[in-house]
Amino acid sequence: MSSKESELKAELLTVFTAYKDAHNELVACLDADTAYPAWIQQVEGDHAATRNMLKSIVLNWSYSDDGQEPGSTIQFNGLASCSMSTYMAIERVNEQRDLLHKQLMKMDSLENELDLSDNEEDDDGYRLSKRAMARLGYPRFNRRQACRKFTALPCPVLSAGFFWNRYRKTTKLDRTQVQARLDKLLQRSLAENDAIYHEIERFHAINDECLVQVFPESIHRRVNLCTNQDGVEKRIQRYAHTPIFYVSTPDRPLPPKTLLPDEPAAKECRLAKRNITIESEPYLPLLDLYRLLPKHRK
């Protein structure tokens, strides 16, 4: 093992120790908040069952044993009133989650610079951060689950409406970025040289300043919240992959809420023609890149 690898693993141990301490502190705060009302839509049972699930969600850092897909997370929408002490503990947990994510990213970014002579690999191939977490006792560590931040509000929630949000991300790429992606594709896919060279020729045949990448549609749990901030009602929207924590008092009941439908609604009709800015078919299919319509090109 190289000295740099040892250094990175020592850093990870320090970061993860602080991470665990912050989560244990939050669990202790949740235990102290037993009298505060909470609700999780997926939990059937009494108040104690919901409180126990809150703690389980906080400590859920690994893939389950039921064939959970790589990169997926277990999600729970709900509401949990809490004390200011718990709110501050959640803020510290979010800080530690951010630090752990940065440390794992640092290890991955430096992986190619390390001496990997021991050639230790798992089923997914060598990944330093994953191997390091396994050695810390988490062989099924789920980075996305463990580093995802909680939503916590320092004010009461007056109402909550949960819904499925459909979203399709688009990104404009300039000519330099497109050329770099074509070059990378050519290096990686030698078996498809003819198709790649065809796309390179198509790209060089136009002088568009940018092309648009369209990502697959994603569907997320979200919630519309009406809050009371210093006596003023304010409406905000947040992701709802975990229960929404908010500061209140134990004697105040949960606010009215609209439940999340079991399934997302059917896809809406196509955009009106005036809102369409790109061509209907990709110009560079291998990269899923589209040209802007003529009137939108510069």
Protein backbone atom coordinates (compact mmCIF):
# COMPACT_ATOMS: atom_id res chain seq x y z
CA MET A 1 0.00 0.00 0.00
CA SER A 2 1.40 3.42 -0.96
CA SER A 3 1.94 6.17 1.59
CA LYS A 4 -0.63 8.32 -0.24
CA GLU A 5 -3.23 5.58 -0.03
CA SER A 6 -2.52 5.18 3.69
CA GLU A 7 -2.89 8.92 4.14
CA LEU A 8 -6.25 8.98 2.36
CA LYS A 9 -7.56 6.07 4.41
CA ALA A 10 -6.45 7.75 7.64
CA GLU A 11 -8.29 10.91 6.54
CA LEU A 12 -11.39 8.84 5.77
CA LEU A 13 -11.29 7.23 9.21
CA THR A 14 -11.18 10.67 10.85
CA VAL A 15 -14.03 11.99 8.70
CA PHE A 16 -16.17 8.89 9.16
CA THR A 17 -15.66 8.90 12.94
CA ALA A 18 -16.99 12.46 13.10
CA TYR A 19 -19.79 11.41 10.72
CA LYS A 20 -20.90 8.58 13.03
CA ASP A 21 -20.68 10.80 16.12
CA ALA A 22 -22.94 13.40 14.51
CA HIS A 23 -25.51 10.76 13.56
CA ASN A 24 -25.48 9.21 17.03
CA GLU A 25 -26.03 12.68 18.49
CA LEU A 26 -29.02 13.15 16.20
CA VAL A 27 -30.49 9.80 17.23
CA ALA A 28 -30.14 10.86 20.88
CA CYS A 29 -31.98 14.09 20.08
CA LEU A 30 -34.75 12.14 18.35
CA ASP A 31 -35.07 9.99 21.47
CA ALA A 32 -35.43 13.16 23.54
CA ASP A 33 -38.10 14.40 21.10
CA THR A 34 -40.40 11.42 21.65
CA ALA A 35 -43.34 13.68 22.51
CA TYR A 36 -43.12 15.51 19.16
CA PRO A 37 -45.63 14.32 16.53
CA ALA A 38 -44.33 12.73 13.35
CA TRP A 39 -45.81 11.01 10.31
CA ILE A 40 -44.33 8.84 7.56
CA GLN A 41 -46.69 7.81 4.79
CA GLN A 42 -45.12 4.37 4.30
CA VAL A 43 -45.23 3.44 8.00
CA GLU A 44 -48.25 1.67 9.37
CA GLY A 45 -48.42 1.55 13.14
CA ASP A 46 -48.42 3.69 16.21
CA HIS A 47 -46.39 6.77 17.16
CA ALA A 48 -43.54 4.63 18.48
CA ALA A 49 -43.19 2.84 15.14
CA THR A 50 -42.89 6.16 13.30
CA ARG A 51 -40.29 7.48 15.76
CA ASN A 52 -38.26 4.29 15.39
CA MET A 53 -38.40 4.61 11.60
CA LEU A 54 -37.05 8.16 11.83
CA LYS A 55 -33.99 6.85 13.66
CA SER A 56 -33.64 4.00 11.19
CA ILE A 57 -33.66 6.46 8.27
CA VAL A 58 -30.90 8.51 9.93
CA LEU A 59 -28.72 5.41 10.32
CA ASN A 60 -29.48 3.87 6.93
CA TRP A 61 -26.12 4.04 5.12
CA SER A 62 -26.01 0.71 3.27
CA TYR A 63 -27.77 -1.19 0.54
CA SER A 64 -30.48 -3.54 1.75
CA ASP A 65 -30.28 -7.30 1.16
CA ASP A 66 -33.32 -7.47 -1.13
CA GLY A 67 -31.63 -6.93 -4.45
CA GLN A 68 -31.61 -3.13 -4.32
CA GLU A 69 -30.33 -1.65 -7.58
CA PRO A 70 -26.89 0.02 -7.54
CA GLY A 71 -27.23 3.78 -7.11
CA SER A 72 -30.82 3.55 -5.87
CA THR A 73 -32.01 4.74 -2.47
CA ILE A 74 -34.79 3.87 -0.07
CA GLN A 75 -37.15 6.85 0.19
CA PHE A 76 -39.73 7.91 2.78
CA ASN A 77 -41.90 11.00 2.54
CA GLY A 78 -43.22 12.44 5.78
CA LEU A 79 -43.24 15.21 8.36
CA ALA A 80 -41.45 15.34 11.71
CA SER A 81 -41.75 18.25 14.11
CA CYS A 82 -38.72 18.68 16.34
CA SER A 83 -36.97 20.82 18.92
CA MET A 84 -34.38 23.44 18.05
CA SER A 85 -31.71 21.12 19.50
CA THR A 86 -32.69 18.43 17.00
CA TYR A 87 -32.71 20.97 14.18
CA MET A 88 -29.14 21.97 15.05
CA ALA A 89 -28.13 18.29 15.24
CA ILE A 90 -29.55 17.77 11.72
CA GLU A 91 -27.50 20.71 10.46
CA ARG A 92 -24.36 19.10 11.90
CA VAL A 93 -25.28 15.78 10.28
CA ASN A 94 -25.69 17.51 6.92
CA GLU A 95 -22.26 19.12 7.34
CA GLN A 96 -20.68 15.74 8.07
CA ARG A 97 -22.47 14.15 5.12
CA ASP A 98 -21.00 16.81 2.87
CA LEU A 99 -17.50 16.26 4.29
CA LEU A 100 -17.76 12.47 3.83
CA HIS A 101 -18.92 12.91 0.24
CA LYS A 102 -15.98 15.20 -0.49
CA GLN A 103 -13.51 12.75 1.07
CA LEU A 104 -14.85 9.84 -0.97
CA MET A 105 -14.72 11.94 -4.13
CA LYS A 106 -11.15 12.92 -3.31
CA MET A 107 -10.17 9.27 -2.96
CA ASP A 108 -11.75 8.40 -6.29
CA SER A 109 -10.16 11.34 -8.10
CA LEU A 110 -6.68 10.37 -6.87
CA GLU A 111 -7.15 6.64 -7.44
CA ASN A 112 -5.26 6.57 -10.73
CA GLU A 113 -2.24 8.21 -9.10
CA LEU A 114 -1.90 5.50 -6.45
CA ASP A 115 0.15 2.32 -6.54
CA LEU A 116 -2.47 -0.41 -6.86
CA SER A 117 -0.01 -3.27 -7.02
CA ASP A 118 -2.10 -5.45 -4.69
CA ASN A 119 -4.83 -5.37 -7.39
CA GLU A 120 -7.65 -5.94 -4.93
CA GLU A 121 -10.92 -5.89 -6.83
CA ASP A 122 -14.56 -6.61 -6.12
CA ASP A 123 -17.42 -7.46 -8.46
CA ASP A 124 -17.74 -3.83 -9.55
CA GLY A 125 -14.01 -3.42 -10.26
CA TYR A 126 -11.45 -1.61 -8.17
CA ARG A 127 -12.67 1.50 -6.38
CA LEU A 128 -10.55 2.80 -3.56
CA SER A 129 -13.35 4.52 -1.65
CA LYS A 130 -15.57 1.44 -1.78
CA ARG A 131 -12.79 -0.84 -0.60
CA ALA A 132 -11.93 1.57 2.21
CA MET A 133 -15.56 1.69 3.41
CA ALA A 134 -15.70 -2.10 3.36
CA ARG A 135 -12.65 -2.19 5.63
CA LEU A 136 -14.44 0.18 7.99
CA GLY A 137 -17.23 -2.38 8.30
CA TYR A 138 -19.58 -1.26 5.52
CA PRO A 139 -19.18 -3.63 2.55
CA ARG A 140 -22.61 -2.61 1.19
CA PHE A 141 -22.10 1.11 1.74
CA ASN A 142 -24.56 3.21 -0.30
CA ARG A 143 -22.86 6.55 -0.93
CA ARG A 144 -25.95 8.28 -2.29
CA GLN A 145 -28.07 7.15 0.67
CA ALA A 146 -25.41 8.01 3.24
CA CYS A 147 -24.45 11.41 1.84
CA ARG A 148 -27.91 12.67 0.90
CA LYS A 149 -28.82 15.63 3.10
CA PHE A 150 -31.94 15.97 5.22
CA THR A 151 -34.35 18.86 4.82
CA ALA A 152 -34.79 20.72 8.11
CA LEU A 153 -36.60 24.02 8.63
CA PRO A 154 -36.15 26.30 11.67
CA CYS A 155 -39.82 27.31 11.57
CA PRO A 156 -43.29 25.71 11.72
CA VAL A 157 -44.93 24.11 8.69
CA LEU A 158 -48.56 25.13 8.14
CA SER A 159 -49.38 22.70 5.32
CA ALA A 160 -47.67 20.18 3.03
CA GLY A 161 -48.58 18.81 -0.36
CA PHE A 162 -46.57 15.83 -1.64
CA PHE A 163 -46.36 15.11 -5.37
CA TRP A 164 -44.32 13.40 -8.09
CA ASN A 165 -42.24 15.77 -10.17
CA ARG A 166 -41.22 14.91 -13.72
CA TYR A 167 -38.01 16.55 -14.86
CA ARG A 168 -35.88 16.29 -17.97
CA LYS A 169 -32.54 18.03 -17.68
CA THR A 170 -30.97 19.69 -20.71
CA THR A 171 -27.47 21.13 -21.04
CA LYS A 172 -25.94 23.26 -23.76
CA LEU A 173 -22.47 22.22 -24.90
CA ASP A 174 -20.19 24.50 -26.91
CA ARG A 175 -18.14 23.22 -29.84
CA THR A 176 -15.04 22.57 -27.74
CA GLN A 177 -17.04 20.42 -25.30
CA VAL A 178 -18.71 18.48 -28.11
CA GLN A 179 -15.36 17.83 -29.81
CA ALA A 180 -13.90 16.58 -26.51
CA ARG A 181 -16.77 14.13 -26.09
CA LEU A 182 -16.37 12.84 -29.63
CA ASP A 183 -12.63 12.36 -29.07
CA LYS A 184 -13.30 10.50 -25.83
CA LEU A 185 -15.88 8.32 -27.52
CA LEU A 186 -13.40 7.47 -30.27
CA GLN A 187 -10.80 6.39 -27.71
CA ARG A 188 -13.26 4.20 -25.80
CA SER A 189 -15.23 2.55 -28.60
CA LEU A 190 -12.80 1.28 -31.20
CA ALA A 191 -15.37 -1.27 -32.40
CA GLU A 192 -17.70 1.56 -33.49
CA ASN A 193 -15.17 3.68 -35.35
CA ASP A 194 -17.25 4.00 -38.52
CA ALA A 195 -20.29 5.31 -36.64
CA ILE A 196 -18.15 7.71 -34.59
CA TYR A 197 -16.33 9.08 -37.64
CA HIS A 198 -19.73 9.60 -39.26
CA GLU A 199 -20.82 11.70 -36.28
CA ILE A 200 -17.55 13.66 -36.38
CA GLU A 201 -18.19 14.45 -40.04
CA ARG A 202 -21.75 15.55 -39.26
CA PHE A 203 -20.48 17.78 -36.46
CA HIS A 204 -17.84 19.44 -38.66
CA ALA A 205 -20.47 20.02 -41.33
CA ILE A 206 -22.28 22.59 -39.17
CA ASN A 207 -21.11 25.75 -37.45
CA ASP A 208 -23.61 25.85 -34.58
CA GLU A 209 -22.12 27.49 -31.51
CA CYS A 210 -23.73 24.90 -29.27
CA LEU A 211 -25.68 21.64 -29.21
CA VAL A 212 -28.11 20.51 -26.54
CA GLN A 213 -27.80 17.31 -24.53
CA VAL A 214 -31.11 15.89 -23.34
CA PHE A 215 -30.95 13.57 -20.34
CA PRO A 216 -33.44 10.79 -19.60
CA GLU A 217 -36.51 11.94 -17.72
CA SER A 218 -36.27 11.63 -13.94
CA ILE A 219 -39.16 11.45 -11.50
CA HIS A 220 -38.71 12.70 -7.94
CA ARG A 221 -40.76 12.99 -4.77
CA ARG A 222 -41.28 16.65 -3.93
CA VAL A 223 -43.37 18.64 -1.49
CA ASN A 224 -44.94 22.09 -1.50
CA LEU A 225 -44.69 23.60 1.97
CA CYS A 226 -46.41 26.58 3.52
CA THR A 227 -44.27 27.81 6.41
CA ASN A 228 -44.50 30.46 9.08
CA GLN A 229 -41.26 32.43 9.06
CA ASP A 230 -41.24 35.16 11.73
CA GLY A 231 -44.99 35.50 11.48
CA VAL A 232 -44.99 35.67 7.68
CA GLU A 233 -46.39 32.85 5.56
CA LYS A 234 -44.00 31.69 2.88
CA ARG A 235 -44.37 28.94 0.28
CA ILE A 236 -41.37 26.82 -0.63
CA GLN A 237 -40.74 23.55 -2.47
CA ARG A 238 -38.29 20.83 -1.46
CA TYR A 239 -37.30 17.26 -2.33
CA ALA A 240 -39.22 14.74 -0.24
CA HIS A 241 -36.98 11.65 -0.37
CA THR A 242 -36.78 11.75 3.45
CA PRO A 243 -39.21 13.18 6.05
CA ILE A 244 -39.23 16.97 6.36
CA PHE A 245 -38.05 18.07 9.81
CA TYR A 246 -39.28 21.41 11.16
CA VAL A 247 -39.06 23.22 14.48
CA SER A 248 -42.29 23.30 16.46
CA THR A 249 -43.60 22.38 19.91
CA PRO A 250 -44.70 18.93 21.12
CA ASP A 251 -48.27 20.10 21.78
CA ARG A 252 -48.80 21.38 18.24
CA PRO A 253 -50.41 18.79 15.91
CA LEU A 254 -49.07 17.97 12.47
CA PRO A 255 -50.24 20.33 9.72
CA PRO A 256 -52.79 19.30 7.06
CA LYS A 257 -51.14 17.39 4.24
CA THR A 258 -51.82 15.97 0.80
CA LEU A 259 -50.57 12.40 0.44
CA LEU A 260 -48.15 11.33 -2.26
CA PRO A 261 -50.00 9.30 -4.94
CA ASP A 262 -48.94 5.67 -5.21
CA GLU A 263 -47.73 6.22 -8.78
CA PRO A 264 -46.74 9.29 -10.82
CA ALA A 265 -49.47 10.75 -13.00
CA ALA A 266 -49.46 9.94 -16.70
CA LYS A 267 -47.05 11.98 -18.77
CA GLU A 268 -48.46 15.33 -19.78
CA CYS A 269 -49.14 16.28 -23.38
CA ARG A 270 -46.32 17.61 -25.48
CA LEU A 271 -45.15 21.18 -25.08
CA ALA A 272 -46.84 23.82 -27.18
CA LYS A 273 -44.89 24.50 -30.36
CA ARG A 274 -43.92 27.96 -29.13
CA ASN A 275 -42.04 26.37 -26.20
CA ILE A 276 -40.00 23.93 -28.30
CA THR A 277 -36.43 25.09 -28.94
CA ILE A 278 -34.67 21.96 -30.26
CA GLU A 279 -35.15 19.63 -33.20
CA SER A 280 -37.24 16.51 -32.70
CA GLU A 281 -34.42 14.07 -33.53
CA PRO A 282 -30.83 14.07 -32.22
CA TYR A 283 -28.24 15.39 -34.64
CA LEU A 284 -25.48 13.32 -33.02
CA PRO A 285 -27.31 10.18 -31.80
CA LEU A 286 -24.30 8.53 -30.17
CA LEU A 287 -24.00 11.48 -27.79
CA ASP A 288 -27.73 12.23 -27.70
CA LEU A 289 -27.08 15.80 -28.82
CA TYR A 290 -29.70 17.95 -30.54
CA ARG A 291 -29.46 21.07 -32.70
CA LEU A 292 -31.42 24.13 -31.72
CA LEU A 293 -34.15 25.13 -34.13
CA PRO A 294 -32.87 27.65 -36.72
CA LYS A 295 -34.49 30.66 -35.05
CA HIS A 296 -32.72 29.85 -31.76
CA ARG A 297 -29.23 29.39 -33.22
CA LYS A 298 -26.72 32.20 -32.95
